[in-house]
N, C-alpha and C. Protein backbone atom coordinates (compact mmCIF):
# COMPACT_ATOMS: atom_id res chain seq x y z
N MET A 1 -38.50 30.24 -41.55
CA MET A 1 -37.45 30.05 -41.01
C MET A 1 -37.76 28.21 -41.98
N ASP A 2 -38.82 27.95 -41.70
CA ASP A 2 -39.03 26.27 -42.29
C ASP A 2 -39.27 26.55 -43.82
N SER A 3 -39.18 27.96 -44.17
CA SER A 3 -39.59 27.87 -45.66
C SER A 3 -38.08 27.64 -46.66
N LEU A 4 -37.30 27.99 -45.79
CA LEU A 4 -35.39 27.68 -45.98
C LEU A 4 -35.34 26.31 -46.47
N PRO A 5 -34.61 26.08 -47.13
CA PRO A 5 -33.91 24.48 -48.03
C PRO A 5 -33.44 23.76 -46.65
N CYS A 6 -32.72 24.13 -45.63
CA CYS A 6 -32.48 23.29 -44.45
C CYS A 6 -33.16 24.35 -43.00
N SER A 7 -33.25 23.58 -42.12
CA SER A 7 -33.45 24.25 -40.72
C SER A 7 -32.82 24.07 -40.07
N ALA A 8 -32.73 24.66 -38.67
CA ALA A 8 -31.58 24.26 -37.33
C ALA A 8 -31.93 23.02 -36.97
N ARG A 9 -33.39 22.69 -37.03
CA ARG A 9 -33.56 20.94 -36.35
C ARG A 9 -32.86 20.39 -37.34
N GLN A 10 -33.06 20.36 -38.54
CA GLN A 10 -32.57 19.43 -39.68
C GLN A 10 -31.33 19.33 -39.50
N TRP A 11 -30.68 20.83 -39.38
CA TRP A 11 -28.97 20.46 -39.52
C TRP A 11 -28.38 19.65 -38.05
N LYS A 12 -29.28 19.84 -37.11
CA LYS A 12 -28.65 19.30 -35.78
C LYS A 12 -29.04 18.02 -35.81
N LYS A 13 -30.10 17.76 -36.53
CA LYS A 13 -30.01 16.11 -36.74
C LYS A 13 -29.41 15.46 -37.66
N LEU A 14 -28.78 16.28 -38.66
CA LEU A 14 -27.83 16.06 -39.90
C LEU A 14 -26.47 15.61 -38.67
N CYS A 15 -26.12 16.45 -37.76
CA CYS A 15 -25.08 16.92 -36.84
C CYS A 15 -24.68 15.57 -35.96
N GLU A 16 -26.06 14.81 -35.57
CA GLU A 16 -26.19 14.18 -34.62
C GLU A 16 -25.89 12.84 -35.36
N VAL A 17 -26.08 12.48 -36.55
CA VAL A 17 -26.33 11.34 -36.93
C VAL A 17 -24.92 11.05 -37.54
N HIS A 18 -24.22 12.21 -38.59
CA HIS A 18 -23.09 12.36 -39.42
C HIS A 18 -22.36 12.34 -39.02
N LEU A 19 -20.89 11.73 -39.20
CA LEU A 19 -19.49 12.30 -38.30
C LEU A 19 -19.28 13.58 -39.03
N PRO A 20 -18.80 14.66 -38.27
CA PRO A 20 -18.30 16.19 -39.11
C PRO A 20 -17.55 15.81 -40.42
N THR A 21 -16.82 14.43 -40.32
CA THR A 21 -15.76 14.43 -41.83
C THR A 21 -16.14 13.79 -42.73
N SER A 22 -17.75 13.30 -42.65
CA SER A 22 -18.30 12.26 -43.70
C SER A 22 -18.83 13.31 -44.80
N PRO A 23 -18.77 13.20 -46.01
CA PRO A 23 -18.93 14.05 -47.23
C PRO A 23 -20.40 14.60 -47.17
N ALA A 24 -21.45 13.37 -46.22
CA ALA A 24 -23.11 14.24 -45.95
C ALA A 24 -22.87 15.66 -45.61
N SER A 25 -22.02 14.95 -43.91
CA SER A 25 -22.28 16.52 -43.72
C SER A 25 -21.57 17.39 -44.22
N PHE A 26 -20.66 17.61 -44.90
CA PHE A 26 -19.70 18.51 -45.20
C PHE A 26 -20.72 19.27 -46.57
N GLU A 27 -21.71 18.43 -47.25
CA GLU A 27 -22.47 19.25 -48.29
C GLU A 27 -23.41 19.69 -47.40
N ALA A 28 -24.17 18.96 -46.05
CA ALA A 28 -25.09 19.63 -45.62
C ALA A 28 -24.80 21.06 -45.05
N HIS A 29 -23.07 21.15 -44.53
CA HIS A 29 -23.07 22.49 -43.60
C HIS A 29 -22.79 23.72 -45.17
N SER A 30 -22.21 22.89 -46.40
CA SER A 30 -22.32 23.89 -47.26
C SER A 30 -23.71 24.86 -47.96
N ARG A 31 -24.74 23.59 -47.69
CA ARG A 31 -26.09 24.03 -48.21
C ARG A 31 -26.33 25.11 -46.59
N TRP A 32 -26.01 24.80 -45.43
CA TRP A 32 -26.16 25.44 -43.87
C TRP A 32 -26.01 26.93 -44.68
N LYS A 33 -24.61 26.89 -44.80
CA LYS A 33 -24.00 28.25 -45.07
C LYS A 33 -24.98 29.15 -46.37
N GLU A 34 -25.01 28.40 -47.06
CA GLU A 34 -25.85 29.26 -48.35
C GLU A 34 -26.62 29.77 -47.61
N CYS A 35 -27.49 28.86 -47.31
CA CYS A 35 -29.03 29.47 -46.62
C CYS A 35 -29.06 30.69 -45.58
N HIS A 36 -28.28 30.21 -44.54
CA HIS A 36 -28.40 31.09 -43.66
C HIS A 36 -27.10 31.79 -43.09
N GLY A 37 -26.01 31.91 -44.25
CA GLY A 37 -24.51 32.07 -43.83
C GLY A 37 -24.10 31.61 -42.37
N ALA A 38 -24.48 31.83 -41.26
CA ALA A 38 -24.27 31.35 -40.15
C ALA A 38 -25.13 30.62 -38.80
N ILE A 39 -24.85 29.97 -38.07
CA ILE A 39 -25.45 29.26 -37.51
C ILE A 39 -26.76 30.36 -36.53
N ASP A 40 -28.16 30.33 -36.52
CA ASP A 40 -28.30 31.17 -35.63
C ASP A 40 -28.67 30.74 -34.52
N THR A 41 -28.28 31.36 -33.08
CA THR A 41 -28.58 30.65 -31.81
C THR A 41 -30.14 30.51 -31.61
N ASP A 42 -31.13 31.18 -31.83
CA ASP A 42 -32.39 31.38 -31.46
C ASP A 42 -32.87 29.60 -32.06
N ALA A 43 -32.69 29.56 -33.43
CA ALA A 43 -33.37 28.67 -33.95
C ALA A 43 -32.59 27.34 -33.65
N ALA A 44 -31.23 27.49 -33.43
CA ALA A 44 -30.96 26.19 -32.75
C ALA A 44 -31.08 25.65 -31.69
N SER A 45 -31.27 26.47 -30.78
CA SER A 45 -32.41 26.01 -29.88
C SER A 45 -33.55 25.31 -29.74
N VAL A 46 -34.02 25.80 -30.95
CA VAL A 46 -35.73 25.18 -31.33
C VAL A 46 -35.46 23.64 -31.49
N THR A 47 -36.26 22.75 -30.54
CA THR A 47 -36.37 21.72 -30.81
C THR A 47 -37.48 20.89 -31.01
N ASP A 48 -37.53 19.96 -31.57
CA ASP A 48 -38.31 18.86 -31.91
C ASP A 48 -38.16 17.46 -31.17
N PRO A 49 -39.82 17.61 -31.05
CA PRO A 49 -39.73 15.91 -30.00
C PRO A 49 -39.53 14.78 -30.62
N THR A 50 -39.57 14.75 -31.92
CA THR A 50 -39.07 13.76 -32.59
C THR A 50 -37.43 13.77 -32.74
N ASP A 51 -37.00 14.90 -32.55
CA ASP A 51 -35.36 14.69 -33.04
C ASP A 51 -35.01 14.61 -31.32
N GLU A 52 -35.77 14.80 -30.20
CA GLU A 52 -35.31 13.95 -28.78
C GLU A 52 -35.70 12.83 -28.68
N ALA A 53 -35.96 12.16 -29.40
CA ALA A 53 -36.40 10.76 -29.53
C ALA A 53 -35.15 10.32 -30.11
N SER A 54 -34.99 10.79 -31.23
CA SER A 54 -33.68 10.29 -31.96
C SER A 54 -32.21 10.46 -31.20
N SER A 55 -32.10 11.40 -30.68
CA SER A 55 -31.12 11.91 -29.59
C SER A 55 -30.86 11.01 -28.37
N ALA A 56 -32.17 10.87 -28.04
CA ALA A 56 -32.29 9.53 -26.86
C ALA A 56 -31.26 8.16 -27.24
N ASP A 57 -32.14 7.45 -28.76
CA ASP A 57 -31.51 6.39 -29.28
C ASP A 57 -29.68 6.74 -29.59
N LEU A 58 -29.33 7.54 -30.02
CA LEU A 58 -28.00 7.88 -30.17
C LEU A 58 -27.36 7.76 -28.54
N ALA A 59 -28.03 8.81 -27.63
CA ALA A 59 -27.47 8.86 -26.64
C ALA A 59 -27.12 7.03 -26.35
N SER A 60 -27.98 6.42 -26.36
CA SER A 60 -28.17 5.11 -25.58
C SER A 60 -26.68 4.07 -26.31
N LYS A 61 -27.04 4.26 -27.29
CA LYS A 61 -25.93 3.72 -28.03
C LYS A 61 -24.80 4.08 -27.97
N GLN A 62 -24.30 5.43 -27.71
CA GLN A 62 -22.97 5.45 -27.37
C GLN A 62 -22.54 5.62 -25.79
N SER A 63 -23.53 5.48 -24.93
CA SER A 63 -23.18 5.05 -23.51
C SER A 63 -23.06 3.44 -23.40
N SER A 64 -23.66 2.68 -24.64
CA SER A 64 -23.59 0.71 -24.44
C SER A 64 -22.24 1.16 -25.20
N VAL A 65 -21.74 1.94 -25.71
CA VAL A 65 -20.22 1.75 -26.20
C VAL A 65 -18.97 1.90 -25.23
N ASP A 66 -19.90 2.85 -24.65
CA ASP A 66 -18.62 3.50 -23.52
C ASP A 66 -18.31 2.70 -22.34
N ARG A 67 -19.83 2.00 -21.81
CA ARG A 67 -19.79 1.33 -21.01
C ARG A 67 -18.72 -0.48 -21.55
N GLY A 68 -18.70 -0.50 -22.60
CA GLY A 68 -17.84 -1.45 -23.00
C GLY A 68 -16.12 -1.08 -22.64
N SER A 69 -16.29 0.23 -23.31
CA SER A 69 -14.57 0.83 -22.75
C SER A 69 -14.17 1.02 -21.75
N SER A 70 -15.07 1.50 -20.91
CA SER A 70 -15.42 1.00 -19.50
C SER A 70 -14.66 0.06 -18.81
N VAL A 71 -15.65 -0.79 -18.89
CA VAL A 71 -14.97 -2.25 -18.36
C VAL A 71 -13.97 -2.66 -19.07
N ALA A 72 -13.49 -2.34 -20.04
CA ALA A 72 -11.87 -2.47 -20.71
C ALA A 72 -10.81 -1.73 -19.72
N GLU A 73 -11.51 -0.78 -19.25
CA GLU A 73 -10.47 0.22 -18.89
C GLU A 73 -10.12 -0.19 -17.21
N PHE A 74 -11.09 -0.20 -17.01
CA PHE A 74 -11.60 -1.19 -15.39
C PHE A 74 -10.32 -2.15 -14.96
N ALA A 75 -10.74 -3.12 -16.52
CA ALA A 75 -9.57 -4.56 -16.30
C ALA A 75 -8.73 -4.12 -16.14
N LEU A 76 -8.27 -2.97 -17.08
CA LEU A 76 -6.55 -3.25 -17.32
C LEU A 76 -5.90 -2.46 -16.17
N VAL A 77 -6.78 -1.44 -14.94
CA VAL A 77 -6.43 -0.71 -13.81
C VAL A 77 -6.31 -1.51 -13.02
N ILE A 78 -7.50 -2.40 -12.78
CA ILE A 78 -7.38 -3.34 -11.58
C ILE A 78 -6.43 -3.97 -11.20
N VAL A 79 -5.50 -5.24 -12.68
CA VAL A 79 -5.15 -5.66 -12.75
C VAL A 79 -3.28 -5.37 -11.65
N VAL A 80 -3.43 -3.53 -12.21
CA VAL A 80 -2.47 -2.97 -12.11
C VAL A 80 -1.92 -2.49 -10.76
N LEU A 81 -3.30 -1.93 -10.02
CA LEU A 81 -3.48 -2.05 -8.67
C LEU A 81 -3.29 -3.09 -8.02
N MET A 82 -4.28 -4.59 -8.18
CA MET A 82 -3.90 -5.61 -7.44
C MET A 82 -2.26 -6.32 -7.57
N LEU A 83 -1.32 -5.77 -8.28
CA LEU A 83 -0.21 -5.57 -8.35
C LEU A 83 0.80 -5.11 -7.26
N LEU A 84 0.22 -4.09 -7.37
CA LEU A 84 0.79 -3.09 -6.48
C LEU A 84 0.49 -3.30 -5.19
N PHE A 85 -1.11 -3.73 -4.67
CA PHE A 85 -1.31 -4.23 -3.86
C PHE A 85 -0.53 -5.64 -3.11
N LEU A 86 -0.57 -6.54 -4.08
CA LEU A 86 0.28 -7.80 -3.57
C LEU A 86 1.63 -7.61 -3.47
N SER A 87 2.46 -6.52 -4.34
CA SER A 87 3.54 -6.19 -3.84
C SER A 87 3.78 -5.65 -2.40
N LEU A 88 3.43 -4.80 -2.16
CA LEU A 88 3.47 -4.00 -0.90
C LEU A 88 3.11 -5.62 0.28
N VAL A 89 2.22 -5.86 0.38
CA VAL A 89 1.85 -7.24 0.89
C VAL A 89 3.56 -8.31 1.43
N GLN A 90 3.82 -8.42 -0.02
CA GLN A 90 5.16 -9.60 -0.32
C GLN A 90 5.95 -8.39 0.62
N ILE A 91 6.23 -7.13 0.10
CA ILE A 91 7.71 -6.48 0.98
C ILE A 91 6.76 -6.71 2.66
N CYS A 92 5.77 -6.60 2.85
CA CYS A 92 5.84 -6.13 4.79
C CYS A 92 5.49 -7.90 5.24
N LEU A 93 5.74 -8.94 4.28
CA LEU A 93 5.57 -10.14 4.85
C LEU A 93 7.36 -10.10 5.22
N TRP A 94 8.38 -10.25 4.32
CA TRP A 94 9.60 -9.83 4.35
C TRP A 94 9.86 -9.22 5.51
N ALA A 95 9.45 -8.10 5.95
CA ALA A 95 9.87 -7.40 6.73
C ALA A 95 9.58 -7.57 8.44
N TYR A 96 8.18 -8.40 8.48
CA TYR A 96 7.71 -9.03 9.37
C TYR A 96 8.74 -10.26 9.66
N SER A 97 8.95 -11.25 8.74
CA SER A 97 9.55 -12.61 8.88
C SER A 97 10.87 -12.08 9.33
N ARG A 98 11.32 -11.13 8.78
CA ARG A 98 12.74 -10.57 8.92
C ARG A 98 12.84 -9.89 10.77
N THR A 99 11.71 -9.26 11.03
CA THR A 99 11.59 -9.10 12.85
C THR A 99 11.78 -10.32 13.68
N LEU A 100 10.58 -10.97 12.96
CA LEU A 100 10.65 -12.98 13.62
C LEU A 100 12.22 -13.12 13.74
N LEU A 101 12.53 -13.53 13.09
CA LEU A 101 13.87 -14.11 12.64
C LEU A 101 14.86 -12.93 13.53
N THR A 102 15.06 -11.88 13.46
CA THR A 102 15.90 -11.37 14.63
C THR A 102 15.78 -11.58 16.47
N SER A 103 14.38 -11.71 16.37
CA SER A 103 14.10 -11.96 17.53
C SER A 103 14.33 -13.46 18.32
N ALA A 104 14.10 -14.14 17.31
CA ALA A 104 14.58 -15.74 17.64
C ALA A 104 15.72 -16.10 18.00
N ALA A 105 16.97 -15.35 17.06
CA ALA A 105 18.06 -15.25 17.14
C ALA A 105 18.69 -14.70 18.11
N VAL A 106 18.05 -13.77 18.83
CA VAL A 106 18.66 -13.08 20.02
C VAL A 106 18.20 -13.47 21.16
N GLU A 107 16.52 -14.53 20.94
CA GLU A 107 16.45 -15.42 22.72
C GLU A 107 17.05 -16.37 22.16
N THR A 108 17.72 -17.15 21.33
CA THR A 108 18.84 -18.23 21.04
C THR A 108 20.05 -17.43 21.66
N ALA A 109 20.37 -16.58 21.10
CA ALA A 109 21.64 -16.08 21.71
C ALA A 109 21.71 -15.96 23.41
N HIS A 110 20.35 -14.89 23.84
CA HIS A 110 20.28 -15.17 25.14
C HIS A 110 20.56 -16.46 25.83
N SER A 111 19.59 -17.33 25.41
CA SER A 111 19.47 -18.71 26.06
C SER A 111 21.18 -19.14 26.03
N ALA A 112 21.88 -19.20 24.60
CA ALA A 112 23.25 -19.87 24.94
C ALA A 112 24.39 -19.05 25.60
N GLY A 113 24.08 -17.73 25.87
CA GLY A 113 24.99 -16.69 27.14
C GLY A 113 24.56 -17.26 28.32
N LEU A 114 23.54 -17.87 28.98
CA LEU A 114 23.56 -17.99 30.31
C LEU A 114 24.45 -19.20 30.83
N ALA A 115 24.90 -19.06 31.93
CA ALA A 115 25.52 -19.51 32.52
C ALA A 115 25.54 -20.94 32.41
N GLY A 116 26.33 -22.07 32.43
CA GLY A 116 25.93 -23.19 32.43
C GLY A 116 25.19 -24.00 31.49
N SER A 117 24.45 -23.48 30.20
CA SER A 117 23.86 -23.64 29.29
C SER A 117 24.78 -23.98 28.00
N HIS A 118 24.21 -24.76 27.52
CA HIS A 118 25.13 -25.64 25.60
C HIS A 118 23.73 -25.35 25.28
N VAL A 119 23.82 -24.40 24.28
CA VAL A 119 22.59 -24.83 23.11
C VAL A 119 23.55 -26.06 21.84
N SER A 120 23.25 -26.80 21.40
CA SER A 120 24.20 -27.94 20.61
C SER A 120 23.30 -27.88 19.24
N ASN A 121 21.89 -27.50 19.16
CA ASN A 121 21.49 -27.32 18.01
C ASN A 121 20.66 -26.01 17.78
N VAL A 122 21.43 -25.08 17.26
CA VAL A 122 21.23 -23.72 17.19
C VAL A 122 20.37 -23.71 16.08
N THR A 123 19.85 -23.77 15.19
CA THR A 123 19.14 -24.00 13.97
C THR A 123 17.77 -24.58 14.79
N GLY A 124 17.65 -25.58 15.36
CA GLY A 124 16.60 -26.29 16.11
C GLY A 124 16.02 -25.44 17.10
N ALA A 125 16.45 -24.58 17.92
CA ALA A 125 16.45 -23.97 19.05
C ALA A 125 15.95 -22.37 18.50
N VAL A 126 16.61 -21.73 17.37
CA VAL A 126 16.02 -20.81 15.98
C VAL A 126 14.70 -21.09 16.31
N GLY A 127 14.93 -22.39 15.28
CA GLY A 127 13.07 -22.52 14.68
C GLY A 127 12.08 -23.03 15.56
N ALA A 128 12.32 -23.50 17.35
CA ALA A 128 11.36 -23.54 17.98
C ALA A 128 10.94 -22.16 18.34
N SER A 129 12.04 -20.97 18.71
CA SER A 129 11.38 -19.52 18.62
C SER A 129 10.77 -19.02 17.90
N LEU A 130 10.56 -19.41 16.90
CA LEU A 130 9.91 -18.81 15.40
C LEU A 130 8.33 -19.31 15.47
N GLY A 131 8.12 -20.80 16.19
CA GLY A 131 7.12 -21.07 16.08
C GLY A 131 6.65 -21.56 14.79
N GLY A 132 5.56 -22.08 14.52
CA GLY A 132 4.64 -22.34 13.45
C GLY A 132 3.79 -21.30 12.42
N GLY A 133 4.18 -20.25 12.40
CA GLY A 133 3.28 -19.01 12.00
C GLY A 133 3.63 -18.61 10.19
N ILE A 134 3.92 -17.88 10.27
CA ILE A 134 4.03 -17.25 9.24
C ILE A 134 5.12 -17.89 8.40
N THR A 135 6.12 -17.86 8.93
CA THR A 135 7.58 -18.44 8.71
C THR A 135 7.55 -20.00 8.55
N GLY A 136 6.77 -20.53 8.73
CA GLY A 136 6.43 -22.15 8.31
C GLY A 136 7.03 -22.62 7.06
N ALA A 137 6.45 -22.32 6.43
CA ALA A 137 6.59 -22.48 5.11
C ALA A 137 8.21 -22.47 4.46
N THR A 138 8.70 -21.88 4.95
CA THR A 138 10.13 -21.34 4.63
C THR A 138 11.38 -22.35 5.67
N ARG A 139 10.62 -22.40 6.69
CA ARG A 139 11.75 -22.83 8.02
C ARG A 139 12.56 -24.09 7.29
N ASP A 140 12.28 -24.67 6.46
CA ASP A 140 13.37 -26.31 5.84
C ASP A 140 14.51 -25.08 5.47
N THR A 141 14.80 -23.83 5.19
CA THR A 141 15.74 -22.96 4.37
C THR A 141 16.38 -22.44 5.77
N LEU A 142 16.15 -22.45 6.81
CA LEU A 142 16.49 -21.98 7.91
C LEU A 142 17.98 -22.63 8.25
N ARG A 143 19.32 -21.53 8.46
CA ARG A 143 20.56 -21.87 8.72
C ARG A 143 20.99 -20.93 9.90
N CYS A 144 21.46 -21.70 10.57
CA CYS A 144 21.92 -20.51 12.49
C CYS A 144 23.43 -21.61 12.58
N ASN A 145 24.46 -20.72 12.97
CA ASN A 145 25.49 -20.68 13.66
C ASN A 145 25.54 -19.56 14.58
N ILE A 146 26.69 -20.59 15.80
CA ILE A 146 26.80 -19.96 16.76
C ILE A 146 28.24 -19.44 17.23
N SER A 147 28.74 -18.23 17.56
CA SER A 147 29.97 -17.89 17.60
C SER A 147 30.13 -17.52 18.97
N ASN A 148 31.65 -17.76 20.07
CA ASN A 148 31.70 -17.21 21.42
C ASN A 148 32.75 -16.54 21.10
N ASP A 149 33.21 -15.27 21.59
CA ASP A 149 34.30 -14.79 21.54
C ASP A 149 34.52 -14.70 23.04
N GLY A 150 34.13 -15.10 23.72
CA GLY A 150 34.58 -14.85 25.30
C GLY A 150 33.78 -14.19 26.20
N LEU A 151 33.02 -12.99 25.73
CA LEU A 151 32.41 -11.67 25.89
C LEU A 151 30.83 -12.29 25.39
N MET A 152 30.79 -12.18 24.14
CA MET A 152 29.17 -12.38 23.52
C MET A 152 29.01 -13.51 22.93
N ALA A 153 27.91 -14.09 22.94
CA ALA A 153 26.86 -14.96 22.33
C ALA A 153 26.45 -14.48 20.67
N ARG A 154 27.01 -15.17 19.43
CA ARG A 154 26.53 -14.51 18.78
C ARG A 154 25.86 -15.62 17.85
N VAL A 155 24.38 -15.34 17.37
CA VAL A 155 23.76 -16.11 16.63
C VAL A 155 23.46 -15.82 15.11
N GLU A 156 24.30 -16.12 13.91
CA GLU A 156 24.32 -15.89 12.73
C GLU A 156 22.84 -16.81 12.04
N CYS A 157 22.11 -16.18 11.74
CA CYS A 157 20.91 -16.82 11.09
C CYS A 157 20.81 -16.80 9.37
N THR A 158 20.21 -16.91 8.57
CA THR A 158 19.80 -16.91 7.10
C THR A 158 18.38 -17.73 6.92
N MET A 159 17.59 -17.18 5.91
CA MET A 159 16.28 -17.82 5.76
C MET A 159 16.05 -17.55 4.62
N GLN A 160 15.25 -18.52 3.53
CA GLN A 160 14.73 -17.91 2.95
C GLN A 160 13.31 -16.88 2.92
N ALA A 161 13.38 -15.63 2.06
CA ALA A 161 11.68 -15.36 2.85
C ALA A 161 10.84 -15.89 2.36
N PRO A 162 9.64 -15.79 2.97
CA PRO A 162 8.30 -16.42 2.83
C PRO A 162 7.38 -15.48 1.75
N GLY A 163 6.90 -16.05 1.06
CA GLY A 163 5.91 -15.65 0.07
C GLY A 163 4.41 -15.39 0.43
N ILE A 164 3.56 -14.74 -0.47
CA ILE A 164 2.36 -14.68 -0.06
C ILE A 164 1.60 -16.05 -0.28
N VAL A 165 1.71 -16.34 -1.26
CA VAL A 165 1.89 -18.17 -1.88
C VAL A 165 2.89 -18.61 -1.81
N GLY A 166 2.77 -20.34 -1.96
CA GLY A 166 4.02 -21.12 -2.06
C GLY A 166 4.83 -20.95 -3.18
N VAL A 167 4.03 -20.46 -4.39
CA VAL A 167 4.60 -19.91 -5.26
C VAL A 167 5.57 -18.83 -5.56
N LEU A 168 5.39 -18.49 -4.41
CA LEU A 168 6.09 -17.06 -4.39
C LEU A 168 7.48 -16.56 -3.27
N ASP A 169 7.63 -18.21 -2.32
CA ASP A 169 8.62 -18.15 -1.49
C ASP A 169 9.78 -17.94 -2.19
N GLY A 170 11.15 -17.55 -1.59
CA GLY A 170 12.29 -17.47 -2.14
C GLY A 170 12.43 -16.08 -3.55
N LEU A 171 10.69 -15.14 -3.76
CA LEU A 171 11.12 -14.07 -4.55
C LEU A 171 11.78 -13.06 -3.87
N MET A 172 11.61 -12.66 -2.57
CA MET A 172 12.43 -11.50 -2.31
C MET A 172 13.89 -11.64 -1.33
N PRO A 173 14.65 -11.40 -1.28
CA PRO A 173 15.83 -11.49 -0.95
C PRO A 173 15.96 -12.29 0.07
N GLU A 174 17.05 -13.02 0.61
CA GLU A 174 17.13 -13.90 1.75
C GLU A 174 17.22 -13.28 3.05
N ILE A 175 16.70 -13.56 4.01
CA ILE A 175 16.64 -12.72 5.20
C ILE A 175 18.36 -13.30 6.04
N SER A 176 19.03 -12.44 6.38
CA SER A 176 20.14 -12.74 7.14
C SER A 176 20.24 -11.93 8.16
N VAL A 177 20.36 -12.00 9.47
CA VAL A 177 20.37 -11.36 10.62
C VAL A 177 21.09 -12.00 11.83
N THR A 178 21.37 -11.37 12.78
CA THR A 178 22.29 -11.94 13.71
C THR A 178 21.79 -11.27 14.89
N GLY A 179 21.91 -11.97 16.02
CA GLY A 179 21.46 -12.03 17.69
C GLY A 179 22.58 -11.92 18.46
N HIS A 180 22.44 -11.05 19.27
CA HIS A 180 24.20 -10.61 20.31
C HIS A 180 23.52 -10.54 21.55
N SER A 181 24.23 -11.33 22.52
CA SER A 181 23.90 -11.34 24.02
C SER A 181 25.19 -11.86 24.60
N ALA A 182 25.08 -10.81 26.01
CA ALA A 182 26.57 -10.79 26.72
C ALA A 182 26.50 -12.50 27.31
N LEU A 183 27.51 -12.66 27.58
CA LEU A 183 27.94 -13.98 28.41
C LEU A 183 27.64 -13.63 29.62
N GLU A 184 27.12 -14.37 30.43
CA GLU A 184 26.73 -14.85 31.83
C GLU A 184 27.86 -15.25 32.54
N ILE A 185 28.79 -14.50 33.44
CA ILE A 185 29.70 -15.19 33.94
C ILE A 185 29.47 -15.94 35.41
N PRO A 186 29.89 -17.08 35.67
CA PRO A 186 29.57 -17.87 36.69
C PRO A 186 29.75 -17.18 37.96
N GLY A 187 29.79 -16.96 38.97
CA GLY A 187 29.87 -16.60 40.20
C GLY A 187 30.05 -17.13 41.00
C-alpha cells in the first residue's frame, strides 16, 4: 500500500490539516480516488505515531479556540440568567412589601376602630407599624387616609415600591392597599 502515490496515513493527515473546501484537499481527494477508488477501512485505521503527535497539536489548537468561544457564550448566558434572577427577586420584594403594608394598614384600622381611640396621624401610625425594614427606603412616599362610615374603619395607603438597590426604587407598580376593621361600639 505504501508503494502507491498516496496512503491512508497521508490522506488522513491532509484531512486534518486542510479544510475540506480548500483546493489542496480537492486535489488530494482526486488523487486518492485515482489511487484507491474508495477509502479502505483497514488502511484508514492504521495510525502512525508522528500523525498522532500532529493530531494532538491540532486538537490542542482547536480546544483553545473552543475555550474562547465557551467563555464568550458563558458571559452572554450568565447576563441573561442574572437579569432573570434579579427580576424574580424584585417581584418577590414588591409582593413582600405589599403584604407588610397591608398588615400595617389593617393594624392601624384596628387601632382606629377601638372605642375611645383617635388616630390623628394615619400615615405616621402606618409608618410606625411598618418598622425600619425593607420598606424603609420608600417610606417617604407613603400616603394614608382614614375613613369611617359608622360601622367600619377603613385605612387606604399607597407607597412607591422599594427596589433591590436604591436606583430601582419605583420600578415596579405603586403599592395600593386597604385595611378594614369593625368599629367598636362603646357599651
